[in-house]
Amino acid sequence: MLVRSTAAFVLALTILFSPFTLSAQDSEPMADRLSGMLKSDVFNVGILLKSHAIFSFQDDDFKGGRLYDLGATRLDVRGLVDGNFIYRFQVDFRSQVSILDAQVGYVASENFRIVAGAYKPYTSRDLDPNPGHTDFMNRARQVRTMMNSREIGVTVSGRPGNLFYSFGMYNGTGLSRTNDNRFMYAGRLSYRAEMENSGLIFGFSGALNQTRNERVGNTGLVSSGNRSLYGPFVEFESEVFFGVFEFLQTRFNAANFNDREETINGFYSTLGVNTSSRDQLLIRWDKLDYDLRGDTSDLFTLGWNHQATRLISFKINFWAQFDTDEDPKYGVGGLFQFQI
C-alpha cells in the first residue's frame, strides 16, 4: 500500500509539472510586460508565490507528514529615492499578514551602505538568498536551529572590489521588538576569486548575542547569557558545476541544563550540476550535532530544479534522515513557484 501511495504521489508531481516543461519558450512577451509594469529603480515590486506537496513514507510528521500546503507568499516593495536613500518593505500572507522586512538606508557607493530596521542579518550563507532562489525546498537546518531569520538593528556593509564586509548591531531578539538593554553583534568578511568561466567565494560569519534568556532558534533551548555563533563557508560556481559548504558552531550556557555550556555544530555541503540551461540536479548532506543533548542528525537530500519560464519554476526533493536512536525517515516533496 505504501509503495502504491508513494508511486502515485510522484506520478502526480510529474503529471502536474510536465506541461510547463513542454511549454517553456525563449520569447516571453507577457513576462516582459509584467516586468515593465512592476520594475523600476524608484519602485520595484516583487511577488513570490509557492505551493508545495509533502509525502512522508511513514505515517508520521516527517517534513510535515503528508499534505499540500503554501510556501512563502510574499509582496516585496523596494526602491531608490533622491539623495541615494533606499527603502524596502516586505510582508508575508501565508497565515496572517506579517512584516518580514522594514528598512531604510543610505547608499554612499558600492563600498559603503547603511541600513536600519528589520531584515536578515549576515549570520549564515544559506540564509542570504530569498526563498525563491534557494537550492532546495528548505534551507539547511542550521539556519532555523542557530539563529533568527530576521533581526532589528543597523548594519553597515560594502563591496570594495572582490571583497565584501558587513557589521551589524541588533536587539538580538528577532522581530519580537523586545530588548533587555543588551545587543547582538554580527559580522561577515568574504572574498570572491574570479577564474576563467568560474568563481570561488570564501568567507567567515560570526555573531555574539549578549541578550539573556533568549530562545536559540527552534531548538527549545534557552541561552542564559552570552551566545557565540561563528563559522566559515566556501562557494564554487562554473558553467556546469556548483557547490557550497558551510560550517557553523554556536556555544552558550543552556538554562535547560542548569547553565552548563551547550555546543551545537552544524554543516551542510551541496554539490550540483547544470544539466541544461533550465535544469539542475543536486545533492546535499545536512548535519546537526548537540553536545549536552547528545543528538546527532544527518539529512540527505536529492533535488531536481526546473526553470519552466522566467517566472515559473519547480523543485522535486527526496529526503532521507538518520537520527540518534531513531528509525530512518524518508520522504519526497514537490514545489511549484511563481516569482517576479
C-alpha atoms as a PDB file:
ATOM      1  CA  MET A   1       0.000   0.000   0.000  1.00  0.00           C
ATOM      2  CA  LEU A   2       2.835   2.399   0.905  1.00  0.00           C
ATOM      3  CA  VAL A   3       4.648   1.690  -2.377  1.00  0.00           C
ATOM      4  CA  ARG A   4       1.467   2.395  -4.363  1.00  0.00           C
ATOM      5  CA  SER A   5       0.844   5.614  -2.425  1.00  0.00           C
ATOM      6  CA  THR A   6       4.414   6.820  -2.958  1.00  0.00           C
ATOM      7  CA  ALA A   7       4.340   5.962  -6.661  1.00  0.00           C
ATOM      8  CA  ALA A   8       1.013   7.749  -7.073  1.00  0.00           C
ATOM      9  CA  PHE A   9       2.360  10.843  -5.323  1.00  0.00           C
ATOM     10  CA  VAL A  10       5.491  11.016  -7.510  1.00  0.00           C
ATOM     11  CA  LEU A  11       3.388  10.385 -10.635  1.00  0.00           C
ATOM     12  CA  ALA A  12       1.049  13.219  -9.636  1.00  0.00           C
ATOM     13  CA  LEU A  13       4.013  15.588  -9.298  1.00  0.00           C
ATOM     14  CA  THR A  14       5.340  14.520 -12.713  1.00  0.00           C
ATOM     15  CA  ILE A  15       1.964  14.994 -14.412  1.00  0.00           C
ATOM     16  CA  LEU A  16       1.474  18.338 -12.677  1.00  0.00           C
ATOM     17  CA  PHE A  17       4.796  19.777 -13.806  1.00  0.00           C
ATOM     18  CA  SER A  18       5.229  18.179 -17.247  1.00  0.00           C
ATOM     19  CA  PRO A  19       3.062  20.699 -19.174  1.00  0.00           C
ATOM     20  CA  PHE A  20       5.305  23.534 -18.011  1.00  0.00           C
ATOM     21  CA  THR A  21       8.360  21.637 -19.162  1.00  0.00           C
ATOM     22  CA  LEU A  22       6.923  21.369 -22.671  1.00  0.00           C
ATOM     23  CA  SER A  23       5.622  24.932 -22.860  1.00  0.00           C
ATOM     24  CA  ALA A  24       8.860  26.749 -21.999  1.00  0.00           C
ATOM     25  CA  GLN A  25       9.802  29.278 -24.685  1.00  0.00           C
ATOM     26  CA  ASP A  26      12.729  31.631 -25.166  1.00  0.00           C
ATOM     27  CA  SER A  27      10.435  34.544 -26.037  1.00  0.00           C
ATOM     28  CA  GLU A  28       8.237  35.587 -23.102  1.00  0.00           C
ATOM     29  CA  PRO A  29       6.350  38.786 -24.038  1.00  0.00           C
ATOM     30  CA  MET A  30       3.941  38.556 -21.085  1.00  0.00           C
ATOM     31  CA  ALA A  31       6.826  38.348 -18.619  1.00  0.00           C
ATOM     32  CA  ASP A  32       8.353  41.404 -20.317  1.00  0.00           C
ATOM     33  CA  ARG A  33       5.083  43.321 -19.956  1.00  0.00           C
ATOM     34  CA  LEU A  34       4.726  42.377 -16.295  1.00  0.00           C
ATOM     35  CA  SER A  35       8.326  43.340 -15.528  1.00  0.00           C
ATOM     36  CA  GLY A  36       7.805  46.671 -17.260  1.00  0.00           C
ATOM     37  CA  MET A  37       4.795  47.358 -15.037  1.00  0.00           C
ATOM     38  CA  LEU A  38       6.410  46.349 -11.722  1.00  0.00           C
ATOM     39  CA  LYS A  39      10.129  47.050 -12.018  1.00  0.00           C
ATOM     40  CA  SER A  40      11.873  50.407 -11.823  1.00  0.00           C
ATOM     41  CA  ASP A  41      14.671  51.958  -9.770  1.00  0.00           C
ATOM     42  CA  VAL A  42      12.331  54.016  -7.594  1.00  0.00           C
ATOM     43  CA  PHE A  43       9.504  51.474  -7.196  1.00  0.00           C
ATOM     44  CA  ASN A  44      10.372  47.808  -7.572  1.00  0.00           C
ATOM     45  CA  VAL A  45       7.647  45.296  -6.718  1.00  0.00           C
ATOM     46  CA  GLY A  46       8.448  41.633  -6.146  1.00  0.00           C
ATOM     47  CA  ILE A  47       5.880  38.834  -5.820  1.00  0.00           C
ATOM     48  CA  LEU A  48       6.621  35.304  -4.618  1.00  0.00           C
ATOM     49  CA  LEU A  49       4.008  32.514  -4.526  1.00  0.00           C
ATOM     50  CA  LYS A  50       4.935  28.965  -3.549  1.00  0.00           C
ATOM     51  CA  SER A  51       2.780  25.869  -3.256  1.00  0.00           C
ATOM     52  CA  HIS A  52       4.173  22.520  -2.179  1.00  0.00           C
ATOM     53  CA  ALA A  53       3.241  18.928  -1.500  1.00  0.00           C
ATOM     54  CA  ILE A  54       4.931  16.644   1.044  1.00  0.00           C
ATOM     55  CA  PHE A  55       4.712  12.867   1.361  1.00  0.00           C
ATOM     56  CA  SER A  56       6.377  11.072   4.284  1.00  0.00           C
ATOM     57  CA  PHE A  57       6.960   7.387   3.550  1.00  0.00           C
ATOM     58  CA  GLN A  58       5.935   6.592   7.138  1.00  0.00           C
ATOM     59  CA  ASP A  59       2.690   7.781   8.679  1.00  0.00           C
ATOM     60  CA  ASP A  60       4.432  10.433  10.805  1.00  0.00           C
ATOM     61  CA  ASP A  61       5.168  14.173  10.797  1.00  0.00           C
ATOM     62  CA  PHE A  62       8.495  13.968   8.949  1.00  0.00           C
ATOM     63  CA  LYS A  63       8.797  17.189   6.936  1.00  0.00           C
ATOM     64  CA  GLY A  64       5.190  17.911   7.849  1.00  0.00           C
ATOM     65  CA  GLY A  65       3.774  14.454   7.147  1.00  0.00           C
ATOM     66  CA  ARG A  66       1.531  14.058   4.113  1.00  0.00           C
ATOM     67  CA  LEU A  67      -0.084  17.285   2.975  1.00  0.00           C
ATOM     68  CA  TYR A  68      -0.491  20.072   0.475  1.00  0.00           C
ATOM     69  CA  ASP A  69       0.473  23.480   1.799  1.00  0.00           C
ATOM     70  CA  LEU A  70       1.510  27.020   0.954  1.00  0.00           C
ATOM     71  CA  GLY A  71       5.115  28.089   0.978  1.00  0.00           C
ATOM     72  CA  ALA A  72       6.296  31.688   1.058  1.00  0.00           C
ATOM     73  CA  THR A  73       3.515  34.045  -0.092  1.00  0.00           C
ATOM     74  CA  ARG A  74       5.158  37.447  -0.243  1.00  0.00           C
ATOM     75  CA  LEU A  75       4.934  41.001  -1.512  1.00  0.00           C
ATOM     76  CA  ASP A  76       8.218  42.911  -1.596  1.00  0.00           C
ATOM     77  CA  VAL A  77       8.463  46.648  -2.373  1.00  0.00           C
ATOM     78  CA  ARG A  78      11.801  48.423  -2.569  1.00  0.00           C
ATOM     79  CA  GLY A  79      13.438  51.349  -4.316  1.00  0.00           C
ATOM     80  CA  LEU A  80      15.987  54.142  -4.519  1.00  0.00           C
ATOM     81  CA  VAL A  81      14.892  57.750  -3.939  1.00  0.00           C
ATOM     82  CA  ASP A  82      16.508  61.179  -4.041  1.00  0.00           C
ATOM     83  CA  GLY A  83      19.774  61.607  -2.189  1.00  0.00           C
ATOM     84  CA  ASN A  84      20.722  57.919  -2.647  1.00  0.00           C
ATOM     85  CA  PHE A  85      18.359  56.817   0.114  1.00  0.00           C
ATOM     86  CA  ILE A  86      16.819  53.350  -0.153  1.00  0.00           C
ATOM     87  CA  TYR A  87      13.766  51.679   1.326  1.00  0.00           C
ATOM     88  CA  ARG A  88      12.283  48.198   1.491  1.00  0.00           C
ATOM     89  CA  PHE A  89       9.054  46.751   2.859  1.00  0.00           C
ATOM     90  CA  GLN A  90       8.229  43.033   2.648  1.00  0.00           C
ATOM     91  CA  VAL A  91       5.239  41.147   4.064  1.00  0.00           C
ATOM     92  CA  ASP A  92       4.155  37.509   4.077  1.00  0.00           C
ATOM     93  CA  PHE A  93       0.495  36.467   3.749  1.00  0.00           C
ATOM     94  CA  ARG A  94       0.749  32.740   4.452  1.00  0.00           C
ATOM     95  CA  SER A  95      -1.309  32.504   7.639  1.00  0.00           C
ATOM     96  CA  GLN A  96      -1.691  36.150   8.583  1.00  0.00           C
ATOM     97  CA  VAL A  97      -0.084  39.347   7.390  1.00  0.00           C
ATOM     98  CA  SER A  98       3.353  39.557   8.991  1.00  0.00           C
ATOM     99  CA  ILE A  99       6.186  42.015   8.436  1.00  0.00           C
ATOM    100  CA  LEU A 100       9.463  40.461   7.301  1.00  0.00           C
ATOM    101  CA  ASP A 101      11.492  43.477   6.194  1.00  0.00           C
ATOM    102  CA  ALA A 102      11.024  47.129   7.049  1.00  0.00           C
ATOM    103  CA  GLN A 103      14.172  49.104   6.409  1.00  0.00           C
ATOM    104  CA  VAL A 104      15.510  52.457   5.301  1.00  0.00           C
ATOM    105  CA  GLY A 105      19.075  53.197   4.354  1.00  0.00           C
ATOM    106  CA  TYR A 106      21.650  55.262   2.549  1.00  0.00           C
ATOM    107  CA  VAL A 107      23.985  54.159  -0.245  1.00  0.00           C
ATOM    108  CA  ALA A 108      27.167  56.211  -0.479  1.00  0.00           C
ATOM    109  CA  SER A 109      28.698  53.865  -3.059  1.00  0.00           C
ATOM    110  CA  GLU A 110      29.240  50.175  -3.716  1.00  0.00           C
ATOM    111  CA  ASN A 111      31.864  50.373  -0.970  1.00  0.00           C
ATOM    112  CA  PHE A 112      29.556  51.630   1.770  1.00  0.00           C
ATOM    113  CA  ARG A 113      25.884  51.481   2.662  1.00  0.00           C
ATOM    114  CA  ILE A 114      23.993  51.682   5.914  1.00  0.00           C
ATOM    115  CA  VAL A 115      20.511  50.293   6.619  1.00  0.00           C
ATOM    116  CA  ALA A 116      18.345  50.332   9.723  1.00  0.00           C
ATOM    117  CA  GLY A 117      15.191  48.435  10.590  1.00  0.00           C
ATOM    118  CA  ALA A 118      14.177  44.785  10.308  1.00  0.00           C
ATOM    119  CA  TYR A 119      15.958  42.461   7.871  1.00  0.00           C
ATOM    120  CA  LYS A 120      18.191  39.401   7.621  1.00  0.00           C
ATOM    121  CA  PRO A 121      21.491  39.533   9.486  1.00  0.00           C
ATOM    122  CA  TYR A 122      24.577  38.096   7.781  1.00  0.00           C
ATOM    123  CA  THR A 123      24.785  35.063  10.062  1.00  0.00           C
ATOM    124  CA  SER A 124      24.635  32.205   7.540  1.00  0.00           C
ATOM    125  CA  ARG A 125      25.376  31.960   3.845  1.00  0.00           C
ATOM    126  CA  ASP A 126      22.310  29.758   3.394  1.00  0.00           C
ATOM    127  CA  LEU A 127      20.094  32.458   4.904  1.00  0.00           C
ATOM    128  CA  ASP A 128      21.159  35.045   2.288  1.00  0.00           C
ATOM    129  CA  PRO A 129      19.024  34.151  -0.773  1.00  0.00           C
ATOM    130  CA  ASN A 130      15.300  34.791  -0.746  1.00  0.00           C
ATOM    131  CA  PRO A 131      13.080  31.678  -0.642  1.00  0.00           C
ATOM    132  CA  GLY A 132      12.601  31.803  -4.400  1.00  0.00           C
ATOM    133  CA  HIS A 133      16.330  31.345  -5.052  1.00  0.00           C
ATOM    134  CA  THR A 134      17.277  28.590  -2.604  1.00  0.00           C
ATOM    135  CA  ASP A 135      18.875  25.418  -3.976  1.00  0.00           C
ATOM    136  CA  PHE A 136      16.337  23.135  -2.266  1.00  0.00           C
ATOM    137  CA  MET A 137      12.778  23.332  -0.975  1.00  0.00           C
ATOM    138  CA  ASN A 138      14.106  24.034   2.530  1.00  0.00           C
ATOM    139  CA  ARG A 139      17.162  25.861   3.784  1.00  0.00           C
ATOM    140  CA  ALA A 140      19.853  23.952   5.655  1.00  0.00           C
ATOM    141  CA  ARG A 141      18.606  23.148   9.146  1.00  0.00           C
ATOM    142  CA  GLN A 142      21.329  25.134  10.923  1.00  0.00           C
ATOM    143  CA  VAL A 143      19.526  28.317   9.848  1.00  0.00           C
ATOM    144  CA  ARG A 144      16.435  27.618  11.945  1.00  0.00           C
ATOM    145  CA  THR A 145      18.438  25.880  14.646  1.00  0.00           C
ATOM    146  CA  MET A 146      21.037  28.540  15.424  1.00  0.00           C
ATOM    147  CA  MET A 147      19.575  31.941  14.528  1.00  0.00           C
ATOM    148  CA  ASN A 148      16.596  34.190  13.966  1.00  0.00           C
ATOM    149  CA  SER A 149      15.884  34.747  10.287  1.00  0.00           C
ATOM    150  CA  ARG A 150      15.289  38.474  10.938  1.00  0.00           C
ATOM    151  CA  GLU A 151      16.714  40.969  13.418  1.00  0.00           C
ATOM    152  CA  ILE A 152      16.023  44.622  14.197  1.00  0.00           C
ATOM    153  CA  GLY A 153      19.051  46.890  14.191  1.00  0.00           C
ATOM    154  CA  VAL A 154      21.551  48.724  11.999  1.00  0.00           C
ATOM    155  CA  THR A 155      24.129  47.366   9.534  1.00  0.00           C
ATOM    156  CA  VAL A 156      26.970  48.837   7.514  1.00  0.00           C
ATOM    157  CA  SER A 157      28.231  46.883   4.503  1.00  0.00           C
ATOM    158  CA  GLY A 158      30.080  47.279   1.239  1.00  0.00           C
ATOM    159  CA  ARG A 159      31.782  45.617  -1.719  1.00  0.00           C
ATOM    160  CA  PRO A 160      35.182  47.195  -2.367  1.00  0.00           C
ATOM    161  CA  GLY A 161      36.455  45.232  -5.354  1.00  0.00           C
ATOM    162  CA  ASN A 162      36.089  41.496  -4.794  1.00  0.00           C
ATOM    163  CA  LEU A 163      35.817  41.923  -1.032  1.00  0.00           C
ATOM    164  CA  PHE A 164      32.542  42.005   0.917  1.00  0.00           C
ATOM    165  CA  TYR A 165      32.211  43.175   4.508  1.00  0.00           C
ATOM    166  CA  SER A 166      29.348  43.798   6.906  1.00  0.00           C
ATOM    167  CA  PHE A 167      28.959  44.676  10.551  1.00  0.00           C
ATOM    168  CA  GLY A 168      25.659  44.948  12.390  1.00  0.00           C
ATOM    169  CA  MET A 169      24.283  45.717  15.839  1.00  0.00           C
ATOM    170  CA  TYR A 170      20.836  44.304  16.708  1.00  0.00           C
ATOM    171  CA  ASN A 171      18.447  43.728  19.598  1.00  0.00           C
ATOM    172  CA  GLY A 172      19.161  40.005  19.320  1.00  0.00           C
ATOM    173  CA  THR A 173      15.519  39.010  19.822  1.00  0.00           C
ATOM    174  CA  GLY A 174      14.324  38.568  16.230  1.00  0.00           C
ATOM    175  CA  LEU A 175      11.210  40.508  15.269  1.00  0.00           C
ATOM    176  CA  SER A 176       9.757  40.487  18.795  1.00  0.00           C
ATOM    177  CA  ARG A 177      10.742  44.184  19.315  1.00  0.00           C
ATOM    178  CA  THR A 178      11.833  43.420  22.884  1.00  0.00           C
ATOM    179  CA  ASN A 179      15.184  44.181  24.419  1.00  0.00           C
ATOM    180  CA  ASP A 180      16.955  43.882  27.762  1.00  0.00           C
ATOM    181  CA  ASN A 181      19.481  46.656  27.044  1.00  0.00           C
ATOM    182  CA  ARG A 182      21.919  44.104  25.651  1.00  0.00           C
ATOM    183  CA  PHE A 183      22.696  43.617  21.977  1.00  0.00           C
ATOM    184  CA  MET A 184      23.778  41.151  19.333  1.00  0.00           C
ATOM    185  CA  TYR A 185      26.789  41.976  17.161  1.00  0.00           C
ATOM    186  CA  ALA A 186      27.231  40.199  13.841  1.00  0.00           C
ATOM    187  CA  GLY A 187      29.725  40.477  11.017  1.00  0.00           C
ATOM    188  CA  ARG A 188      30.948  38.856   7.836  1.00  0.00           C
ATOM    189  CA  LEU A 189      34.023  39.098   5.668  1.00  0.00           C
ATOM    190  CA  SER A 190      34.260  37.304   2.316  1.00  0.00           C
ATOM    191  CA  TYR A 191      36.258  37.413  -0.903  1.00  0.00           C
ATOM    192  CA  ARG A 192      35.382  36.405  -4.447  1.00  0.00           C
ATOM    193  CA  ALA A 193      38.177  34.959  -6.582  1.00  0.00           C
ATOM    194  CA  GLU A 194      37.460  35.229 -10.295  1.00  0.00           C
ATOM    195  CA  MET A 195      38.694  32.453 -12.552  1.00  0.00           C
ATOM    196  CA  GLU A 196      38.105  31.622 -16.205  1.00  0.00           C
ATOM    197  CA  ASN A 197      34.398  30.714 -16.575  1.00  0.00           C
ATOM    198  CA  SER A 198      34.066  30.179 -12.816  1.00  0.00           C
ATOM    199  CA  GLY A 199      34.144  31.875  -9.440  1.00  0.00           C
ATOM    200  CA  LEU A 200      35.084  30.967  -5.873  1.00  0.00           C
ATOM    201  CA  ILE A 201      33.755  32.757  -2.773  1.00  0.00           C
ATOM    202  CA  PHE A 202      35.134  32.062   0.667  1.00  0.00           C
ATOM    203  CA  GLY A 203      34.366  33.866   3.883  1.00  0.00           C
ATOM    204  CA  PHE A 204      33.611  33.828   7.588  1.00  0.00           C
ATOM    205  CA  SER A 205      30.485  34.811   9.545  1.00  0.00           C
ATOM    206  CA  GLY A 206      30.357  35.478  13.262  1.00  0.00           C
ATOM    207  CA  ALA A 207      27.997  36.814  15.913  1.00  0.00           C
ATOM    208  CA  LEU A 208      27.860  37.457  19.657  1.00  0.00           C
ATOM    209  CA  ASN A 209      24.427  37.746  21.254  1.00  0.00           C
ATOM    210  CA  GLN A 210      24.549  39.163  24.781  1.00  0.00           C
ATOM    211  CA  THR A 211      20.763  39.039  25.277  1.00  0.00           C
ATOM    212  CA  ARG A 212      19.833  36.939  28.297  1.00  0.00           C
ATOM    213  CA  ASN A 213      17.224  34.183  28.442  1.00  0.00           C
ATOM    214  CA  GLU A 214      16.783  34.187  24.679  1.00  0.00           C
ATOM    215  CA  ARG A 215      15.494  31.164  22.799  1.00  0.00           C
ATOM    216  CA  VAL A 216      18.010  29.508  20.492  1.00  0.00           C
ATOM    217  CA  GLY A 217      16.361  29.055  17.104  1.00  0.00           C
ATOM    218  CA  ASN A 218      13.790  26.257  17.093  1.00  0.00           C
ATOM    219  CA  THR A 219      15.763  24.008  19.460  1.00  0.00           C
ATOM    220  CA  GLY A 220      13.643  24.632  22.553  1.00  0.00           C
ATOM    221  CA  LEU A 221      16.848  25.620  24.366  1.00  0.00           C
ATOM    222  CA  VAL A 222      17.329  28.949  26.159  1.00  0.00           C
ATOM    223  CA  SER A 223      20.611  30.847  26.347  1.00  0.00           C
ATOM    224  CA  SER A 224      21.063  32.348  29.814  1.00  0.00           C
ATOM    225  CA  GLY A 225      23.883  34.685  28.793  1.00  0.00           C
ATOM    226  CA  ASN A 226      26.330  35.380  26.003  1.00  0.00           C
ATOM    227  CA  ARG A 227      25.949  33.162  22.924  1.00  0.00           C
ATOM    228  CA  SER A 228      28.552  32.958  20.182  1.00  0.00           C
ATOM    229  CA  LEU A 229      27.982  31.858  16.591  1.00  0.00           C
ATOM    230  CA  TYR A 230      30.731  31.507  14.012  1.00  0.00           C
ATOM    231  CA  GLY A 231      31.954  29.535  11.044  1.00  0.00           C
ATOM    232  CA  PRO A 232      33.469  29.600   7.546  1.00  0.00           C
ATOM    233  CA  PHE A 233      31.917  28.965   4.151  1.00  0.00           C
ATOM    234  CA  VAL A 234      33.127  28.394   0.611  1.00  0.00           C
ATOM    235  CA  GLU A 235      31.100  28.513  -2.597  1.00  0.00           C
ATOM    236  CA  PHE A 236      32.068  27.457  -6.109  1.00  0.00           C
ATOM    237  CA  GLU A 237      30.224  28.094  -9.372  1.00  0.00           C
ATOM    238  CA  SER A 238      31.030  27.355 -13.018  1.00  0.00           C
ATOM    239  CA  GLU A 239      29.033  26.905 -16.191  1.00  0.00           C
ATOM    240  CA  VAL A 240      28.366  23.251 -15.360  1.00  0.00           C
ATOM    241  CA  PHE A 241      29.157  22.550 -11.697  1.00  0.00           C
ATOM    242  CA  PHE A 242      28.419  24.428  -8.493  1.00  0.00           C
ATOM    243  CA  GLY A 243      28.641  23.738  -4.790  1.00  0.00           C
ATOM    244  CA  VAL A 244      28.750  25.266  -1.334  1.00  0.00           C
ATOM    245  CA  PHE A 245      29.994  24.204   2.101  1.00  0.00           C
ATOM    246  CA  GLU A 246      29.310  25.997   5.364  1.00  0.00           C
ATOM    247  CA  PHE A 247      30.131  25.084   8.951  1.00  0.00           C
ATOM    248  CA  LEU A 248      28.618  26.863  11.948  1.00  0.00           C
ATOM    249  CA  GLN A 249      29.079  26.376  15.671  1.00  0.00           C
ATOM    250  CA  THR A 250      27.167  28.058  18.478  1.00  0.00           C
ATOM    251  CA  ARG A 251      28.109  27.989  22.175  1.00  0.00           C
ATOM    252  CA  PHE A 252      26.014  29.163  25.100  1.00  0.00           C
ATOM    253  CA  ASN A 253      25.069  28.368  28.680  1.00  0.00           C
ATOM    254  CA  ALA A 254      21.790  26.485  28.451  1.00  0.00           C
ATOM    255  CA  ALA A 255      19.185  27.315  31.102  1.00  0.00           C
ATOM    256  CA  ASN A 256      17.635  23.910  30.314  1.00  0.00           C
ATOM    257  CA  PHE A 257      20.807  22.213  31.643  1.00  0.00           C
ATOM    258  CA  ASN A 258      21.470  24.307  34.768  1.00  0.00           C
ATOM    259  CA  ASP A 259      23.549  26.814  32.784  1.00  0.00           C
ATOM    260  CA  ARG A 260      26.018  24.218  31.562  1.00  0.00           C
ATOM    261  CA  GLU A 261      27.650  25.045  28.227  1.00  0.00           C
ATOM    262  CA  GLU A 262      25.900  23.570  25.209  1.00  0.00           C
ATOM    263  CA  THR A 263      27.636  23.377  21.848  1.00  0.00           C
ATOM    264  CA  ILE A 264      25.723  22.851  18.617  1.00  0.00           C
ATOM    265  CA  ASN A 265      27.667  22.042  15.458  1.00  0.00           C
ATOM    266  CA  GLY A 266      26.114  22.153  12.027  1.00  0.00           C
ATOM    267  CA  PHE A 267      27.270  21.956   8.471  1.00  0.00           C
ATOM    268  CA  TYR A 268      25.857  21.402   5.020  1.00  0.00           C
ATOM    269  CA  SER A 269      27.555  20.518   1.770  1.00  0.00           C
ATOM    270  CA  THR A 270      25.825  20.916  -1.592  1.00  0.00           C
ATOM    271  CA  LEU A 271      27.008  19.656  -4.958  1.00  0.00           C
ATOM    272  CA  GLY A 272      25.114  20.402  -8.151  1.00  0.00           C
ATOM    273  CA  VAL A 273      25.302  20.195 -11.919  1.00  0.00           C
ATOM    274  CA  ASN A 274      23.541  22.298 -14.549  1.00  0.00           C
ATOM    275  CA  THR A 275      22.254  19.602 -16.894  1.00  0.00           C
ATOM    276  CA  SER A 276      20.738  22.221 -19.216  1.00  0.00           C
ATOM    277  CA  SER A 277      20.039  25.943 -19.271  1.00  0.00           C
ATOM    278  CA  ARG A 278      16.832  25.232 -17.318  1.00  0.00           C
ATOM    279  CA  ASP A 279      17.636  22.163 -15.203  1.00  0.00           C
ATOM    280  CA  GLN A 280      19.780  21.337 -12.195  1.00  0.00           C
ATOM    281  CA  LEU A 281      20.484  18.108 -10.311  1.00  0.00           C
ATOM    282  CA  LEU A 282      21.691  18.485  -6.723  1.00  0.00           C
ATOM    283  CA  ILE A 283      22.623  16.568  -3.588  1.00  0.00           C
ATOM    284  CA  ARG A 284      23.082  17.937  -0.079  1.00  0.00           C
ATOM    285  CA  TRP A 285      24.370  16.492   3.188  1.00  0.00           C
ATOM    286  CA  ASP A 286      22.996  18.418   6.179  1.00  0.00           C
ATOM    287  CA  LYS A 287      24.298  17.536   9.661  1.00  0.00           C
ATOM    288  CA  LEU A 288      23.445  18.735  13.185  1.00  0.00           C
ATOM    289  CA  ASP A 289      25.143  17.655  16.417  1.00  0.00           C
ATOM    290  CA  TYR A 290      24.290  18.636  20.018  1.00  0.00           C
ATOM    291  CA  ASP A 291      26.807  18.197  22.842  1.00  0.00           C
ATOM    292  CA  LEU A 292      24.717  18.106  26.053  1.00  0.00           C
ATOM    293  CA  ARG A 293      21.598  16.669  24.424  1.00  0.00           C
ATOM    294  CA  GLY A 294      23.670  14.029  22.671  1.00  0.00           C
ATOM    295  CA  ASP A 295      21.626  14.201  19.481  1.00  0.00           C
ATOM    296  CA  THR A 296      23.117  13.719  16.040  1.00  0.00           C
ATOM    297  CA  SER A 297      21.100  14.042  12.855  1.00  0.00           C
ATOM    298  CA  ASP A 298      22.074  13.549   9.212  1.00  0.00           C
ATOM    299  CA  LEU A 299      19.720  14.638   6.439  1.00  0.00           C
ATOM    300  CA  PHE A 300      20.452  13.771   2.800  1.00  0.00           C
ATOM    301  CA  THR A 301      18.526  15.492   0.018  1.00  0.00           C
ATOM    302  CA  LEU A 302      18.407  14.758  -3.700  1.00  0.00           C
ATOM    303  CA  GLY A 303      16.956  17.546  -5.788  1.00  0.00           C
ATOM    304  CA  TRP A 304      15.839  18.422  -9.296  1.00  0.00           C
ATOM    305  CA  ASN A 305      15.185  22.080 -10.161  1.00  0.00           C
ATOM    306  CA  HIS A 306      13.496  23.152 -13.374  1.00  0.00           C
ATOM    307  CA  GLN A 307      13.018  26.737 -14.612  1.00  0.00           C
ATOM    308  CA  ALA A 308       9.976  26.351 -16.855  1.00  0.00           C
ATOM    309  CA  THR A 309       9.758  30.035 -17.803  1.00  0.00           C
ATOM    310  CA  ARG A 310      11.367  33.186 -16.492  1.00  0.00           C
ATOM    311  CA  LEU A 311       8.637  33.442 -13.817  1.00  0.00           C
ATOM    312  CA  ILE A 312       7.616  29.814 -13.230  1.00  0.00           C
ATOM    313  CA  SER A 313       9.793  27.090 -11.698  1.00  0.00           C
ATOM    314  CA  PHE A 314       9.500  23.931  -9.651  1.00  0.00           C
ATOM    315  CA  LYS A 315      11.574  21.662  -7.452  1.00  0.00           C
ATOM    316  CA  ILE A 316      11.356  17.994  -6.508  1.00  0.00           C
ATOM    317  CA  ASN A 317      13.246  16.769  -3.415  1.00  0.00           C
ATOM    318  CA  PHE A 318      13.818  13.297  -1.986  1.00  0.00           C
ATOM    319  CA  TRP A 319      14.816  13.141   1.705  1.00  0.00           C
ATOM    320  CA  ALA A 320      16.478  10.570   3.950  1.00  0.00           C
ATOM    321  CA  GLN A 321      17.125  11.459   7.596  1.00  0.00           C
ATOM    322  CA  PHE A 322      19.063   9.451  10.179  1.00  0.00           C
ATOM    323  CA  ASP A 323      18.808  10.467  13.841  1.00  0.00           C
ATOM    324  CA  THR A 324      20.369   9.089  17.014  1.00  0.00           C
ATOM    325  CA  ASP A 325      18.351   6.176  18.461  1.00  0.00           C
ATOM    326  CA  GLU A 326      15.538   6.593  15.925  1.00  0.00           C
ATOM    327  CA  ASP A 327      14.423   4.749  12.823  1.00  0.00           C
ATOM    328  CA  PRO A 328      15.393   6.329   9.488  1.00  0.00           C
ATOM    329  CA  LYS A 329      12.861   8.689   7.923  1.00  0.00           C
ATOM    330  CA  TYR A 330      12.196   9.047   4.198  1.00  0.00           C
ATOM    331  CA  GLY A 331      10.049  11.405   2.181  1.00  0.00           C
ATOM    332  CA  VAL A 332       9.503  13.229  -1.106  1.00  0.00           C
ATOM    333  CA  GLY A 333       8.238  16.722  -1.866  1.00  0.00           C
ATOM    334  CA  GLY A 334       7.430  18.959  -4.794  1.00  0.00           C
ATOM    335  CA  LEU A 335       7.282  22.748  -5.020  1.00  0.00           C
ATOM    336  CA  PHE A 336       5.569  24.914  -7.658  1.00  0.00           C
ATOM    337  CA  GLN A 337       6.593  28.574  -7.748  1.00  0.00           C
ATOM    338  CA  PHE A 338       5.863  31.951  -9.315  1.00  0.00           C
ATOM    339  CA  GLN A 339       8.355  34.746  -8.758  1.00  0.00           C
ATOM    340  CA  ILE A 340       8.943  38.144 -10.262  1.00  0.00           C
END
